Amino acid sequence: MSRRARRRVALAAALGLVAAGCAGRAWDPEDLALRHPALREAGPGRLGAITPYLLPSHGTLILFLCRWTTAAPLPVSLPLDAEPEERRALQAALRAWEGAGLGVRFLQVQPQQASLVLELSDGPVSTATGTGSGNTVADCRLGAPSQAHSEQLPAELVSASVRLARRTPPDLVDRALAPAELAGAALHEIGHALGFQGHVWTETSALASSPRAIRVLGERVLAGEPWADPHLRALYAVPSGAVLRRAPVEMWRTDLTDRMAELGRKNALDGPFVRVGDRAARVFWRDARGLEYGLQVLNLEDVLRRPGRLLVVPEPRTRNALPRSRDLRP
């Protein structure tokens, strides 16, 4: 690899835009299009690179899609400390997504009323690969199991937070992000907040892995040019909760999640919620005090290719709530 190529890869990693591998995925987008004809027009292949949400349940790993409802505007808050130029860049990104053909609308509110919170950081932002220019957390809530069926779960995004750095990462030349870079980074991270986890190689998409492409998109949205994202349009062409695959796994691999779900029902915990990142996923419940009981799925990329390697790891509070004496053994 040439020095220039190595520098481009390093820059992509620093900006948090490195794409997770999608080779050998465990589902078929064409099968999804057969069940949801609207996806045929949007292009089922556009979902080939998505990182799905997942739920280990009763000897099955369920892979599914999750997005926001478009029935009502999505309450969003801008950073209270944003400078006028920063606010303009963030608002341009929001307007671009409103015009991208998803049916998504935004309503700007105060942070305490927002379901999608945008924040700015003076320092670098923590990401799965170290530090970068942006990071997003988007939580999907699952409804009652009685509402589920084989092709769709009662699932919907209910909260998301986007954190953007004002300056370049520390391993690059330290400088403030240009307005186009901030607008492009916001466009990219809001794309994740809207439900598309993972990255694509199409440079016209906000989910692109190229910093140069993201900057160019930022310039376009700042100029008010019309723009649409085919990958997000494909996601919003199918219902939230659409099941990509149900992969059978050994019962012990879902045992902790099943027991935590039963504990949640008995104690009226809120959830489950599912969160997906680049390297791991998290399934969790909340009690009335806001305390969370979570389980993590590690080595996510490998699990998505080979569901039989699923390993669910309980967090300390969850481990204390689930006696080891009742664990199923492999």
C-alpha atoms as a PDB file:
ATOM      1  CA  MET A   1       0.000   0.000   0.000  1.00  0.00           C
ATOM      2  CA  SER A   2       1.378   3.435  -0.960  1.00  0.00           C
ATOM      3  CA  ARG A   3       2.030   6.146   1.600  1.00  0.00           C
ATOM      4  CA  ARG A   4      -0.847   8.166   0.131  1.00  0.00           C
ATOM      5  CA  ALA A   5      -3.222   5.200   0.387  1.00  0.00           C
ATOM      6  CA  ARG A   6      -2.165   4.547   3.989  1.00  0.00           C
ATOM      7  CA  ARG A   7      -2.840   8.191   4.833  1.00  0.00           C
ATOM      8  CA  ARG A   8      -6.324   7.962   3.287  1.00  0.00           C
ATOM      9  CA  VAL A   9      -7.141   4.849   5.340  1.00  0.00           C
ATOM     10  CA  ALA A  10      -5.822   6.523   8.504  1.00  0.00           C
ATOM     11  CA  LEU A  11      -7.929   9.612   7.814  1.00  0.00           C
ATOM     12  CA  ALA A  12     -11.055   7.530   7.269  1.00  0.00           C
ATOM     13  CA  ALA A  13     -10.471   5.696  10.555  1.00  0.00           C
ATOM     14  CA  ALA A  14      -9.841   8.936  12.427  1.00  0.00           C
ATOM     15  CA  LEU A  15     -13.072  10.437  11.127  1.00  0.00           C
ATOM     16  CA  GLY A  16     -15.001   7.379  12.271  1.00  0.00           C
ATOM     17  CA  LEU A  17     -15.973   6.384   8.726  1.00  0.00           C
ATOM     18  CA  VAL A  18     -14.369   2.951   8.400  1.00  0.00           C
ATOM     19  CA  ALA A  19     -16.831   0.472   6.946  1.00  0.00           C
ATOM     20  CA  ALA A  20     -17.560  -2.811   8.642  1.00  0.00           C
ATOM     21  CA  GLY A  21     -17.179  -5.813   6.348  1.00  0.00           C
ATOM     22  CA  CYS A  22     -20.393  -7.184   4.931  1.00  0.00           C
ATOM     23  CA  ALA A  23     -19.073 -10.204   3.050  1.00  0.00           C
ATOM     24  CA  GLY A  24     -20.868 -13.436   3.865  1.00  0.00           C
ATOM     25  CA  ARG A  25     -23.886 -11.693   5.378  1.00  0.00           C
ATOM     26  CA  ALA A  26     -26.427 -13.983   7.008  1.00  0.00           C
ATOM     27  CA  TRP A  27     -29.505 -12.681   5.146  1.00  0.00           C
ATOM     28  CA  ASP A  28     -30.688 -12.135   1.576  1.00  0.00           C
ATOM     29  CA  PRO A  29     -31.960  -8.636   0.596  1.00  0.00           C
ATOM     30  CA  GLU A  30     -33.780 -10.173  -2.373  1.00  0.00           C
ATOM     31  CA  ASP A  31     -35.857 -12.294  -0.005  1.00  0.00           C
ATOM     32  CA  LEU A  32     -36.786  -9.131   1.895  1.00  0.00           C
ATOM     33  CA  ALA A  33     -37.908  -7.515  -1.373  1.00  0.00           C
ATOM     34  CA  LEU A  34     -40.220 -10.445  -2.095  1.00  0.00           C
ATOM     35  CA  ARG A  35     -41.977  -9.816   1.211  1.00  0.00           C
ATOM     36  CA  HIS A  36     -41.972  -6.009   0.859  1.00  0.00           C
ATOM     37  CA  PRO A  37     -42.523  -5.034  -2.805  1.00  0.00           C
ATOM     38  CA  ALA A  38     -41.845  -1.338  -2.113  1.00  0.00           C
ATOM     39  CA  LEU A  39     -38.215  -2.301  -1.591  1.00  0.00           C
ATOM     40  CA  ARG A  40     -37.990  -3.500  -5.205  1.00  0.00           C
ATOM     41  CA  GLU A  41     -38.200   0.068  -6.500  1.00  0.00           C
ATOM     42  CA  ALA A  42     -35.799   1.383  -3.862  1.00  0.00           C
ATOM     43  CA  GLY A  43     -33.309  -1.392  -4.597  1.00  0.00           C
ATOM     44  CA  PRO A  44     -32.901  -4.313  -2.176  1.00  0.00           C
ATOM     45  CA  GLY A  45     -29.129  -4.342  -2.715  1.00  0.00           C
ATOM     46  CA  ARG A  46     -28.970  -0.985  -0.936  1.00  0.00           C
ATOM     47  CA  LEU A  47     -29.509  -2.843   2.333  1.00  0.00           C
ATOM     48  CA  GLY A  48     -26.686  -5.293   1.693  1.00  0.00           C
ATOM     49  CA  ALA A  49     -24.225  -3.294   3.800  1.00  0.00           C
ATOM     50  CA  ILE A  50     -26.540  -2.482   6.700  1.00  0.00           C
ATOM     51  CA  THR A  51     -25.674  -3.741  10.172  1.00  0.00           C
ATOM     52  CA  PRO A  52     -29.014  -5.081  11.461  1.00  0.00           C
ATOM     53  CA  TYR A  53     -30.383  -4.879  14.959  1.00  0.00           C
ATOM     54  CA  LEU A  54     -30.524  -8.238  16.687  1.00  0.00           C
ATOM     55  CA  LEU A  55     -32.319 -10.088  19.451  1.00  0.00           C
ATOM     56  CA  PRO A  56     -31.204 -13.433  20.931  1.00  0.00           C
ATOM     57  CA  SER A  57     -34.388 -15.213  21.959  1.00  0.00           C
ATOM     58  CA  HIS A  58     -35.278 -18.812  22.817  1.00  0.00           C
ATOM     59  CA  GLY A  59     -32.656 -20.541  20.719  1.00  0.00           C
ATOM     60  CA  THR A  60     -32.889 -18.082  17.837  1.00  0.00           C
ATOM     61  CA  LEU A  61     -30.894 -15.055  16.783  1.00  0.00           C
ATOM     62  CA  ILE A  62     -33.346 -12.641  15.163  1.00  0.00           C
ATOM     63  CA  LEU A  63     -31.847 -10.084  12.757  1.00  0.00           C
ATOM     64  CA  PHE A  64     -34.162  -7.162  11.989  1.00  0.00           C
ATOM     65  CA  LEU A  65     -34.371  -3.564  10.796  1.00  0.00           C
ATOM     66  CA  CYS A  66     -35.348  -0.650  12.999  1.00  0.00           C
ATOM     67  CA  ARG A  67     -36.189   2.921  12.086  1.00  0.00           C
ATOM     68  CA  TRP A  68     -38.291   5.888  13.218  1.00  0.00           C
ATOM     69  CA  THR A  69     -41.984   6.190  12.520  1.00  0.00           C
ATOM     70  CA  THR A  70     -42.819   8.817   9.906  1.00  0.00           C
ATOM     71  CA  ALA A  71     -46.347   9.343  11.228  1.00  0.00           C
ATOM     72  CA  ALA A  72     -45.245  12.381  13.260  1.00  0.00           C
ATOM     73  CA  PRO A  73     -42.318  14.827  13.224  1.00  0.00           C
ATOM     74  CA  LEU A  74     -39.166  13.665  15.006  1.00  0.00           C
ATOM     75  CA  PRO A  75     -38.348  16.032  17.922  1.00  0.00           C
ATOM     76  CA  VAL A  76     -34.711  17.155  17.557  1.00  0.00           C
ATOM     77  CA  SER A  77     -32.578  19.554  19.580  1.00  0.00           C
ATOM     78  CA  LEU A  78     -29.567  21.548  18.408  1.00  0.00           C
ATOM     79  CA  PRO A  79     -26.615  22.299  20.731  1.00  0.00           C
ATOM     80  CA  LEU A  80     -27.390  25.265  22.953  1.00  0.00           C
ATOM     81  CA  ASP A  81     -23.789  26.470  22.589  1.00  0.00           C
ATOM     82  CA  ALA A  82     -23.682  26.246  18.781  1.00  0.00           C
ATOM     83  CA  GLU A  83     -22.240  29.273  17.000  1.00  0.00           C
ATOM     84  CA  PRO A  84     -24.356  30.738  14.143  1.00  0.00           C
ATOM     85  CA  GLU A  85     -22.204  29.072  11.472  1.00  0.00           C
ATOM     86  CA  GLU A  86     -22.355  25.732  13.306  1.00  0.00           C
ATOM     87  CA  ARG A  87     -26.129  26.001  13.668  1.00  0.00           C
ATOM     88  CA  ARG A  88     -26.417  26.726   9.952  1.00  0.00           C
ATOM     89  CA  ALA A  89     -24.418  23.585   9.108  1.00  0.00           C
ATOM     90  CA  LEU A  90     -26.529  21.384  11.402  1.00  0.00           C
ATOM     91  CA  GLN A  91     -29.801  22.814  10.122  1.00  0.00           C
ATOM     92  CA  ALA A  92     -28.655  22.252   6.533  1.00  0.00           C
ATOM     93  CA  ALA A  93     -28.065  18.565   7.328  1.00  0.00           C
ATOM     94  CA  LEU A  94     -31.532  18.251   8.868  1.00  0.00           C
ATOM     95  CA  ARG A  95     -33.182  19.958   5.875  1.00  0.00           C
ATOM     96  CA  ALA A  96     -31.310  17.632   3.524  1.00  0.00           C
ATOM     97  CA  TRP A  97     -32.679  14.556   5.297  1.00  0.00           C
ATOM     98  CA  GLU A  98     -36.199  16.027   5.226  1.00  0.00           C
ATOM     99  CA  GLY A  99     -35.885  16.329   1.463  1.00  0.00           C
ATOM    100  CA  ALA A 100     -34.286  12.919   0.923  1.00  0.00           C
ATOM    101  CA  GLY A 101     -37.547  11.086   0.227  1.00  0.00           C
ATOM    102  CA  LEU A 102     -37.801   9.134   3.492  1.00  0.00           C
ATOM    103  CA  GLY A 103     -40.911  10.823   4.811  1.00  0.00           C
ATOM    104  CA  VAL A 104     -38.934  12.015   7.849  1.00  0.00           C
ATOM    105  CA  ARG A 105     -39.748  15.441   9.299  1.00  0.00           C
ATOM    106  CA  PHE A 106     -38.004  17.211  12.174  1.00  0.00           C
ATOM    107  CA  LEU A 107     -39.389  19.467  14.879  1.00  0.00           C
ATOM    108  CA  GLN A 108     -36.787  21.540  16.716  1.00  0.00           C
ATOM    109  CA  VAL A 109     -37.343  21.499  20.486  1.00  0.00           C
ATOM    110  CA  GLN A 110     -35.372  21.933  23.695  1.00  0.00           C
ATOM    111  CA  PRO A 111     -32.955  19.094  24.636  1.00  0.00           C
ATOM    112  CA  GLN A 112     -35.159  17.756  27.433  1.00  0.00           C
ATOM    113  CA  GLN A 113     -38.023  17.302  24.944  1.00  0.00           C
ATOM    114  CA  ALA A 114     -35.957  15.806  22.102  1.00  0.00           C
ATOM    115  CA  SER A 115     -35.854  12.215  20.903  1.00  0.00           C
ATOM    116  CA  LEU A 116     -32.828  13.044  18.710  1.00  0.00           C
ATOM    117  CA  VAL A 117     -30.192  15.141  20.458  1.00  0.00           C
ATOM    118  CA  LEU A 118     -27.349  16.824  18.543  1.00  0.00           C
ATOM    119  CA  GLU A 119     -24.288  17.877  20.556  1.00  0.00           C
ATOM    120  CA  LEU A 120     -20.947  19.519  19.779  1.00  0.00           C
ATOM    121  CA  SER A 121     -17.684  18.650  21.506  1.00  0.00           C
ATOM    122  CA  ASP A 122     -14.600  20.858  21.782  1.00  0.00           C
ATOM    123  CA  GLY A 123     -12.433  17.738  21.954  1.00  0.00           C
ATOM    124  CA  PRO A 124     -12.323  14.464  20.013  1.00  0.00           C
ATOM    125  CA  VAL A 125     -15.297  12.117  20.218  1.00  0.00           C
ATOM    126  CA  SER A 126     -14.945   8.539  21.458  1.00  0.00           C
ATOM    127  CA  THR A 127     -15.786   5.891  18.860  1.00  0.00           C
ATOM    128  CA  ALA A 128     -15.567   2.097  18.650  1.00  0.00           C
ATOM    129  CA  THR A 129     -12.148   2.436  17.007  1.00  0.00           C
ATOM    130  CA  GLY A 130     -10.692   5.158  19.258  1.00  0.00           C
ATOM    131  CA  THR A 131     -11.430   8.837  18.689  1.00  0.00           C
ATOM    132  CA  GLY A 132     -12.977  10.589  15.727  1.00  0.00           C
ATOM    133  CA  SER A 133     -15.133  13.471  14.556  1.00  0.00           C
ATOM    134  CA  GLY A 134     -18.514  11.960  15.347  1.00  0.00           C
ATOM    135  CA  ASN A 135     -20.395   9.202  17.096  1.00  0.00           C
ATOM    136  CA  THR A 136     -24.046   8.137  17.217  1.00  0.00           C
ATOM    137  CA  VAL A 137     -26.104   6.013  19.586  1.00  0.00           C
ATOM    138  CA  ALA A 138     -29.579   4.972  18.405  1.00  0.00           C
ATOM    139  CA  ASP A 139     -31.849   2.840  20.602  1.00  0.00           C
ATOM    140  CA  CYS A 140     -34.583   0.586  19.236  1.00  0.00           C
ATOM    141  CA  ARG A 141     -37.434  -0.391  21.545  1.00  0.00           C
ATOM    142  CA  LEU A 142     -39.214  -3.716  21.167  1.00  0.00           C
ATOM    143  CA  GLY A 143     -42.877  -4.059  22.050  1.00  0.00           C
ATOM    144  CA  ALA A 144     -44.789  -6.943  23.563  1.00  0.00           C
ATOM    145  CA  PRO A 145     -43.830 -10.401  22.227  1.00  0.00           C
ATOM    146  CA  SER A 146     -47.505 -11.077  21.573  1.00  0.00           C
ATOM    147  CA  GLN A 147     -47.398  -8.433  18.814  1.00  0.00           C
ATOM    148  CA  ALA A 148     -44.549 -10.154  16.964  1.00  0.00           C
ATOM    149  CA  HIS A 149     -44.901 -12.465  13.998  1.00  0.00           C
ATOM    150  CA  SER A 150     -42.507 -14.331  11.764  1.00  0.00           C
ATOM    151  CA  GLU A 151     -41.841 -11.469   9.340  1.00  0.00           C
ATOM    152  CA  GLN A 152     -41.976  -8.425  11.620  1.00  0.00           C
ATOM    153  CA  LEU A 153     -41.222  -7.482  15.220  1.00  0.00           C
ATOM    154  CA  PRO A 154     -42.935  -4.607  17.075  1.00  0.00           C
ATOM    155  CA  ALA A 155     -39.783  -2.455  16.914  1.00  0.00           C
ATOM    156  CA  GLU A 156     -39.161   1.271  16.539  1.00  0.00           C
ATOM    157  CA  LEU A 157     -36.347   3.732  17.181  1.00  0.00           C
ATOM    158  CA  VAL A 158     -37.212   5.825  20.223  1.00  0.00           C
ATOM    159  CA  SER A 159     -34.060   7.797  21.038  1.00  0.00           C
ATOM    160  CA  ALA A 160     -30.766   8.777  19.476  1.00  0.00           C
ATOM    161  CA  SER A 161     -27.857  11.058  20.307  1.00  0.00           C
ATOM    162  CA  VAL A 162     -25.285  12.461  17.889  1.00  0.00           C
ATOM    163  CA  ARG A 163     -22.026  13.903  19.153  1.00  0.00           C
ATOM    164  CA  LEU A 164     -19.855  15.865  16.716  1.00  0.00           C
ATOM    165  CA  ALA A 165     -16.355  17.264  17.243  1.00  0.00           C
ATOM    166  CA  ARG A 166     -15.650  20.875  16.377  1.00  0.00           C
ATOM    167  CA  ARG A 167     -12.032  20.081  15.518  1.00  0.00           C
ATOM    168  CA  THR A 168     -10.096  17.414  13.664  1.00  0.00           C
ATOM    169  CA  PRO A 169      -8.992  14.308  15.607  1.00  0.00           C
ATOM    170  CA  PRO A 170      -5.743  14.666  17.621  1.00  0.00           C
ATOM    171  CA  ASP A 171      -3.670  12.497  15.256  1.00  0.00           C
ATOM    172  CA  LEU A 172      -4.313  14.936  12.371  1.00  0.00           C
ATOM    173  CA  VAL A 173      -3.248  18.571  11.999  1.00  0.00           C
ATOM    174  CA  ASP A 174      -5.281  20.319  14.687  1.00  0.00           C
ATOM    175  CA  ARG A 175      -7.785  22.745  13.180  1.00  0.00           C
ATOM    176  CA  ALA A 176     -11.452  23.622  13.356  1.00  0.00           C
ATOM    177  CA  LEU A 177     -13.712  21.738  10.977  1.00  0.00           C
ATOM    178  CA  ALA A 178     -14.776  23.781   7.981  1.00  0.00           C
ATOM    179  CA  PRO A 179     -18.552  24.378   7.694  1.00  0.00           C
ATOM    180  CA  ALA A 180     -18.800  21.847   4.840  1.00  0.00           C
ATOM    181  CA  GLU A 181     -16.963  19.244   6.932  1.00  0.00           C
ATOM    182  CA  LEU A 182     -19.291  19.804   9.892  1.00  0.00           C
ATOM    183  CA  ALA A 183     -22.384  19.689   7.665  1.00  0.00           C
ATOM    184  CA  GLY A 184     -21.130  16.491   6.033  1.00  0.00           C
ATOM    185  CA  ALA A 185     -20.269  14.881   9.371  1.00  0.00           C
ATOM    186  CA  ALA A 186     -23.731  15.822  10.698  1.00  0.00           C
ATOM    187  CA  LEU A 187     -25.361  14.372   7.560  1.00  0.00           C
ATOM    188  CA  HIS A 188     -23.388  11.148   8.083  1.00  0.00           C
ATOM    189  CA  GLU A 189     -24.136  10.742  11.774  1.00  0.00           C
ATOM    190  CA  ILE A 190     -27.819  11.650  11.403  1.00  0.00           C
ATOM    191  CA  GLY A 191     -27.987   8.897   8.797  1.00  0.00           C
ATOM    192  CA  HIS A 192     -26.912   6.459  11.519  1.00  0.00           C
ATOM    193  CA  ALA A 193     -29.395   8.046  13.940  1.00  0.00           C
ATOM    194  CA  LEU A 194     -32.161   7.389  11.403  1.00  0.00           C
ATOM    195  CA  GLY A 195     -31.446   3.655  11.636  1.00  0.00           C
ATOM    196  CA  PHE A 196     -28.781   2.736   9.065  1.00  0.00           C
ATOM    197  CA  GLN A 197     -25.895   1.222  11.008  1.00  0.00           C
ATOM    198  CA  GLY A 198     -22.817   0.371   8.974  1.00  0.00           C
ATOM    199  CA  HIS A 199     -21.189   2.101   5.990  1.00  0.00           C
ATOM    200  CA  VAL A 200     -21.267   1.928   2.202  1.00  0.00           C
ATOM    201  CA  TRP A 201     -18.778   2.581  -0.580  1.00  0.00           C
ATOM    202  CA  THR A 202     -21.190   4.660  -2.710  1.00  0.00           C
ATOM    203  CA  GLU A 203     -19.774   8.176  -2.549  1.00  0.00           C
ATOM    204  CA  THR A 204     -23.152   9.824  -3.179  1.00  0.00           C
ATOM    205  CA  SER A 205     -24.491   8.361   0.078  1.00  0.00           C
ATOM    206  CA  ALA A 206     -24.193  10.057   3.444  1.00  0.00           C
ATOM    207  CA  LEU A 207     -23.148   6.649   4.793  1.00  0.00           C
ATOM    208  CA  ALA A 208     -20.031   6.686   2.588  1.00  0.00           C
ATOM    209  CA  SER A 209     -16.710   5.650   4.088  1.00  0.00           C
ATOM    210  CA  SER A 210     -14.772   8.429   2.310  1.00  0.00           C
ATOM    211  CA  PRO A 211     -14.070  11.698   4.183  1.00  0.00           C
ATOM    212  CA  ARG A 212     -13.698  13.481   0.831  1.00  0.00           C
ATOM    213  CA  ALA A 213     -17.169  12.300  -0.255  1.00  0.00           C
ATOM    214  CA  ILE A 214     -18.681  13.416   3.042  1.00  0.00           C
ATOM    215  CA  ARG A 215     -17.115  16.878   2.672  1.00  0.00           C
ATOM    216  CA  VAL A 216     -18.489  17.184  -0.882  1.00  0.00           C
ATOM    217  CA  LEU A 217     -21.957  16.222   0.361  1.00  0.00           C
ATOM    218  CA  GLY A 218     -21.589  18.848   3.086  1.00  0.00           C
ATOM    219  CA  GLU A 219     -20.864  21.475   0.440  1.00  0.00           C
ATOM    220  CA  ARG A 220     -23.937  20.397  -1.503  1.00  0.00           C
ATOM    221  CA  VAL A 221     -26.361  20.557   1.409  1.00  0.00           C
ATOM    222  CA  LEU A 222     -24.960  23.914   2.554  1.00  0.00           C
ATOM    223  CA  ALA A 223     -25.668  25.200  -0.944  1.00  0.00           C
ATOM    224  CA  GLY A 224     -29.235  23.890  -0.691  1.00  0.00           C
ATOM    225  CA  GLU A 225     -28.846  21.471  -3.598  1.00  0.00           C
ATOM    226  CA  PRO A 226     -31.472  18.687  -3.887  1.00  0.00           C
ATOM    227  CA  TRP A 227     -30.166  15.377  -2.628  1.00  0.00           C
ATOM    228  CA  ALA A 228     -31.461  11.886  -1.854  1.00  0.00           C
ATOM    229  CA  ASP A 229     -29.847   8.864  -0.247  1.00  0.00           C
ATOM    230  CA  PRO A 230     -30.779   5.523  -1.883  1.00  0.00           C
ATOM    231  CA  HIS A 231     -29.612   3.443   1.095  1.00  0.00           C
ATOM    232  CA  LEU A 232     -31.823   5.229   3.612  1.00  0.00           C
ATOM    233  CA  ARG A 233     -34.689   5.233   1.116  1.00  0.00           C
ATOM    234  CA  ALA A 234     -34.382   1.453   0.959  1.00  0.00           C
ATOM    235  CA  LEU A 235     -34.507   1.244   4.761  1.00  0.00           C
ATOM    236  CA  TYR A 236     -37.616   3.443   4.916  1.00  0.00           C
ATOM    237  CA  ALA A 237     -39.294   1.451   2.127  1.00  0.00           C
ATOM    238  CA  VAL A 238     -39.869  -1.456   4.526  1.00  0.00           C
ATOM    239  CA  PRO A 239     -41.654  -1.463   7.887  1.00  0.00           C
ATOM    240  CA  SER A 240     -39.680  -0.975  11.053  1.00  0.00           C
ATOM    241  CA  GLY A 241     -39.117  -4.345  12.691  1.00  0.00           C
ATOM    242  CA  ALA A 242     -38.911  -6.202   9.369  1.00  0.00           C
ATOM    243  CA  VAL A 243     -37.138  -9.503  10.055  1.00  0.00           C
ATOM    244  CA  LEU A 244     -34.106 -10.242   7.896  1.00  0.00           C
ATOM    245  CA  ARG A 245     -33.454 -13.698   9.272  1.00  0.00           C
ATOM    246  CA  ARG A 246     -34.192 -16.031  12.172  1.00  0.00           C
ATOM    247  CA  ALA A 247     -31.069 -18.124  12.710  1.00  0.00           C
ATOM    248  CA  PRO A 248     -31.308 -21.132  15.051  1.00  0.00           C
ATOM    249  CA  VAL A 249     -28.604 -21.307  17.716  1.00  0.00           C
ATOM    250  CA  GLU A 250     -27.997 -23.505  20.761  1.00  0.00           C
ATOM    251  CA  MET A 251     -30.350 -22.766  23.658  1.00  0.00           C
ATOM    252  CA  TRP A 252     -27.538 -21.913  26.068  1.00  0.00           C
ATOM    253  CA  ARG A 253     -26.476 -19.072  23.789  1.00  0.00           C
ATOM    254  CA  THR A 254     -29.763 -17.185  24.388  1.00  0.00           C
ATOM    255  CA  ASP A 255     -30.322 -18.373  27.972  1.00  0.00           C
ATOM    256  CA  LEU A 256     -29.227 -15.157  29.717  1.00  0.00           C
ATOM    257  CA  THR A 257     -31.321 -12.965  27.422  1.00  0.00           C
ATOM    258  CA  ASP A 258     -34.364 -15.201  27.927  1.00  0.00           C
ATOM    259  CA  ARG A 259     -34.008 -15.102  31.704  1.00  0.00           C
ATOM    260  CA  MET A 260     -33.478 -11.332  31.708  1.00  0.00           C
ATOM    261  CA  ALA A 261     -36.601 -10.925  29.561  1.00  0.00           C
ATOM    262  CA  GLU A 262     -38.596 -12.983  32.063  1.00  0.00           C
ATOM    263  CA  LEU A 263     -37.194 -10.920  34.938  1.00  0.00           C
ATOM    264  CA  GLY A 264     -38.164  -7.782  33.040  1.00  0.00           C
ATOM    265  CA  ARG A 265     -41.745  -8.978  32.641  1.00  0.00           C
ATOM    266  CA  LYS A 266     -42.071  -9.937  36.313  1.00  0.00           C
ATOM    267  CA  ASN A 267     -40.715  -6.585  37.496  1.00  0.00           C
ATOM    268  CA  ALA A 268     -42.382  -4.386  34.869  1.00  0.00           C
ATOM    269  CA  LEU A 269     -39.036  -3.179  33.496  1.00  0.00           C
ATOM    270  CA  ASP A 270     -39.079  -0.973  30.422  1.00  0.00           C
ATOM    271  CA  GLY A 271     -37.705  -2.727  27.348  1.00  0.00           C
ATOM    272  CA  PRO A 272     -36.073  -4.503  25.851  1.00  0.00           C
ATOM    273  CA  PHE A 273     -34.057  -1.926  23.968  1.00  0.00           C
ATOM    274  CA  VAL A 274     -31.435  -2.848  21.382  1.00  0.00           C
ATOM    275  CA  ARG A 275     -28.371  -0.785  20.476  1.00  0.00           C
ATOM    276  CA  VAL A 276     -25.969  -1.673  17.658  1.00  0.00           C
ATOM    277  CA  GLY A 277     -22.429  -0.405  17.119  1.00  0.00           C
ATOM    278  CA  ASP A 278     -19.559  -1.201  14.807  1.00  0.00           C
ATOM    279  CA  ARG A 279     -18.169  -4.006  16.966  1.00  0.00           C
ATOM    280  CA  ALA A 280     -20.811  -4.965  19.512  1.00  0.00           C
ATOM    281  CA  ALA A 281     -24.537  -4.890  20.204  1.00  0.00           C
ATOM    282  CA  ARG A 282     -26.395  -4.372  23.458  1.00  0.00           C
ATOM    283  CA  VAL A 283     -29.797  -5.570  24.683  1.00  0.00           C
ATOM    284  CA  PHE A 284     -31.024  -3.866  27.859  1.00  0.00           C
ATOM    285  CA  TRP A 285     -33.946  -3.052  30.154  1.00  0.00           C
ATOM    286  CA  ARG A 286     -34.532  -0.063  32.487  1.00  0.00           C
ATOM    287  CA  ASP A 287     -36.125   0.007  35.915  1.00  0.00           C
ATOM    288  CA  ALA A 288     -38.207   2.842  37.384  1.00  0.00           C
ATOM    289  CA  ARG A 289     -35.039   4.580  38.637  1.00  0.00           C
ATOM    290  CA  GLY A 290     -33.458   4.525  35.196  1.00  0.00           C
ATOM    291  CA  LEU A 291     -30.945   1.805  36.081  1.00  0.00           C
ATOM    292  CA  GLU A 292     -30.098  -0.422  33.130  1.00  0.00           C
ATOM    293  CA  TYR A 293     -29.760  -4.199  32.992  1.00  0.00           C
ATOM    294  CA  GLY A 294     -27.796  -4.988  29.872  1.00  0.00           C
ATOM    295  CA  LEU A 295     -26.247  -7.861  27.963  1.00  0.00           C
ATOM    296  CA  GLN A 296     -23.680  -7.458  25.206  1.00  0.00           C
ATOM    297  CA  VAL A 297     -23.070  -9.359  21.997  1.00  0.00           C
ATOM    298  CA  LEU A 298     -19.368  -9.100  21.204  1.00  0.00           C
ATOM    299  CA  ASN A 299     -17.526  -9.772  17.932  1.00  0.00           C
ATOM    300  CA  LEU A 300     -20.591  -8.486  16.121  1.00  0.00           C
ATOM    301  CA  GLU A 301     -19.266  -8.739  12.575  1.00  0.00           C
ATOM    302  CA  ASP A 302     -18.379 -12.410  13.061  1.00  0.00           C
ATOM    303  CA  VAL A 303     -21.754 -13.188  14.686  1.00  0.00           C
ATOM    304  CA  LEU A 304     -23.656 -11.589  11.798  1.00  0.00           C
ATOM    305  CA  ARG A 305     -21.818 -13.849   9.345  1.00  0.00           C
ATOM    306  CA  ARG A 306     -21.938 -16.931  11.576  1.00  0.00           C
ATOM    307  CA  PRO A 307     -24.890 -16.721  14.023  1.00  0.00           C
ATOM    308  CA  GLY A 308     -23.860 -20.036  15.588  1.00  0.00           C
ATOM    309  CA  ARG A 309     -20.952 -18.201  17.229  1.00  0.00           C
ATOM    310  CA  LEU A 310     -23.276 -15.963  19.226  1.00  0.00           C
ATOM    311  CA  LEU A 311     -21.957 -15.191  22.715  1.00  0.00           C
ATOM    312  CA  VAL A 312     -24.031 -13.068  25.104  1.00  0.00           C
ATOM    313  CA  VAL A 313     -22.089 -11.437  27.953  1.00  0.00           C
ATOM    314  CA  PRO A 314     -23.999 -10.010  30.957  1.00  0.00           C
ATOM    315  CA  GLU A 315     -23.051  -6.647  32.433  1.00  0.00           C
ATOM    316  CA  PRO A 316     -22.323  -6.599  36.211  1.00  0.00           C
ATOM    317  CA  ARG A 317     -25.784  -5.475  37.338  1.00  0.00           C
ATOM    318  CA  THR A 318     -27.405  -8.084  35.099  1.00  0.00           C
ATOM    319  CA  ARG A 319     -25.046 -10.801  36.270  1.00  0.00           C
ATOM    320  CA  ASN A 320     -26.002 -10.058  39.881  1.00  0.00           C
ATOM    321  CA  ALA A 321     -29.689 -10.351  38.997  1.00  0.00           C
ATOM    322  CA  LEU A 322     -29.290 -13.734  37.253  1.00  0.00           C
ATOM    323  CA  PRO A 323     -27.874 -16.445  39.560  1.00  0.00           C
ATOM    324  CA  ARG A 324     -25.027 -18.409  37.971  1.00  0.00           C
ATOM    325  CA  SER A 325     -26.489 -21.611  39.420  1.00  0.00           C
ATOM    326  CA  ARG A 326     -29.281 -21.420  36.848  1.00  0.00           C
ATOM    327  CA  ASP A 327     -27.043 -20.884  33.816  1.00  0.00           C
ATOM    328  CA  LEU A 328     -27.421 -23.361  30.994  1.00  0.00           C
ATOM    329  CA  ARG A 329     -24.099 -24.991  30.123  1.00  0.00           C
ATOM    330  CA  PRO A 330     -22.814 -25.600  26.605  1.00  0.00           C
END
